[in-house]
Amino acid sequence: MSREFQVTHRVGDIAPAGGKLEGDMLYVRGLVGAEFTITEIQERTGDNGEYLAVVIEFEGKQAFFFTSHQAIVPKLRQCIDELPLLATITEEVSDRTGRKYFDIR
């Protein structure tokens, strides 16, 4: 039994893949205490769930980092329509658990 389908769209036309990001890839840990400008935020989904690709201007150059940190992602999602923004990554300690985590201000 054979069924024929008529293809009307390509997946990439409906849900395009995140494009290649320009600049150096940085790690959140390497940005602790440094001020940078966020110029673009892309919401993405990978094998381990949802995360953000964040394009920044740092030390006069374009760079980017990826994050799925629970304290950072909700704040950045609220800021998507307010770009560009100045930001600083901080390392905090939870009052409840004593564990370290990254935050953004």
Protein backbone atom coordinates (compact mmCIF):
# COMPACT_ATOMS: atom_id res chain seq x y z
CA MET A 1 0.00 0.00 0.00
CA SER A 2 1.60 3.22 -1.16
CA ARG A 3 0.50 6.72 -0.24
CA GLU A 4 1.48 9.78 -2.15
CA PHE A 5 2.06 13.04 -0.36
CA GLN A 6 2.34 16.47 -1.82
CA VAL A 7 5.06 18.45 -0.11
CA THR A 8 4.01 22.03 0.53
CA HIS A 9 6.66 23.37 2.92
CA ARG A 10 10.17 22.70 4.12
CA VAL A 11 10.85 22.53 7.88
CA GLY A 12 13.48 25.27 7.52
CA ASP A 13 10.86 27.63 6.05
CA ILE A 14 8.64 27.27 9.12
CA ALA A 15 11.24 26.85 11.87
CA PRO A 16 14.61 28.05 10.56
CA ALA A 17 17.74 26.78 12.27
CA GLY A 18 19.74 29.24 14.31
CA GLY A 19 22.31 30.76 12.04
CA LYS A 20 26.02 30.75 12.54
CA LEU A 21 27.04 33.30 15.15
CA GLU A 22 29.87 35.72 14.38
CA GLY A 23 32.71 36.44 16.79
CA ASP A 24 34.43 34.51 19.55
CA MET A 25 32.50 32.05 21.69
CA LEU A 26 32.84 32.94 25.35
CA TYR A 27 31.79 31.10 28.49
CA VAL A 28 29.52 32.62 31.14
CA ARG A 29 32.18 31.95 33.80
CA GLY A 30 34.67 34.04 31.82
CA LEU A 31 32.32 37.04 31.84
CA VAL A 32 31.83 37.24 35.63
CA GLY A 33 32.31 40.84 36.75
CA ALA A 34 32.79 42.24 33.23
CA GLU A 35 30.41 44.73 31.65
CA PHE A 36 29.27 44.02 28.08
CA THR A 37 26.51 45.04 25.69
CA ILE A 38 23.87 42.49 24.64
CA THR A 39 22.96 43.11 20.99
CA GLU A 40 20.92 40.00 20.15
CA ILE A 41 19.22 37.11 21.94
CA GLN A 42 18.18 33.96 20.08
CA GLU A 43 15.96 31.32 21.67
CA ARG A 44 17.08 27.83 20.64
CA THR A 45 16.29 24.21 21.37
CA GLY A 46 18.93 21.49 21.51
CA ASP A 47 19.33 17.90 22.62
CA ASN A 48 19.27 19.00 26.28
CA GLY A 49 16.31 21.39 26.02
CA GLU A 50 15.89 25.11 25.55
CA TYR A 51 18.74 27.59 25.79
CA LEU A 52 19.69 31.08 24.62
CA ALA A 53 22.38 32.21 22.22
CA VAL A 54 23.42 35.70 23.35
CA VAL A 55 25.36 37.97 20.99
CA ILE A 56 27.39 40.62 22.78
CA GLU A 57 29.90 43.39 22.24
CA PHE A 58 32.77 42.80 24.64
CA GLU A 59 36.09 44.67 24.74
CA GLY A 60 35.29 46.30 21.38
CA LYS A 61 34.60 43.00 19.58
CA GLN A 62 31.54 40.95 18.75
CA ALA A 63 31.29 37.68 20.67
CA PHE A 64 28.59 35.30 21.90
CA PHE A 65 27.77 32.84 24.64
CA PHE A 66 25.18 30.14 25.22
CA THR A 67 23.22 29.81 28.44
CA SER A 68 20.50 27.71 30.00
CA HIS A 69 21.13 29.00 33.54
CA GLN A 70 17.86 29.19 35.48
CA ALA A 71 18.58 32.64 36.91
CA ILE A 72 19.71 34.15 33.59
CA VAL A 73 17.30 32.82 30.96
CA PRO A 74 14.03 34.28 32.36
CA LYS A 75 15.60 37.72 32.76
CA LEU A 76 17.00 37.74 29.23
CA ARG A 77 13.69 36.56 27.76
CA GLN A 78 12.04 39.63 29.33
CA CYS A 79 14.65 41.86 27.67
CA ILE A 80 14.48 40.60 24.07
CA ASP A 81 12.49 43.63 22.90
CA GLU A 82 14.69 46.14 24.78
CA LEU A 83 18.05 45.56 23.08
CA PRO A 84 20.81 46.71 23.14
CA LEU A 85 21.41 46.51 26.91
CA LEU A 86 24.39 46.77 29.23
CA ALA A 87 24.87 43.68 31.40
CA THR A 88 27.19 42.05 33.91
CA ILE A 89 27.33 38.38 34.92
CA THR A 90 27.63 37.80 38.66
CA GLU A 91 28.38 34.68 40.67
CA GLU A 92 25.99 34.31 43.62
CA VAL A 93 25.49 31.86 46.48
CA SER A 94 22.02 30.54 47.24
CA ASP A 95 20.83 31.39 50.75
CA ARG A 96 18.75 28.23 50.76
CA THR A 97 21.21 25.62 49.47
CA GLY A 98 24.61 27.30 49.69
CA ARG A 99 25.27 26.42 46.04
CA LYS A 100 26.91 28.86 43.64
CA TYR A 101 25.05 30.03 40.54
CA PHE A 102 25.36 32.68 37.82
CA ASP A 103 23.04 35.65 37.55
CA ILE A 104 22.87 38.68 35.26
CA ARG A 105 22.37 42.36 36.11
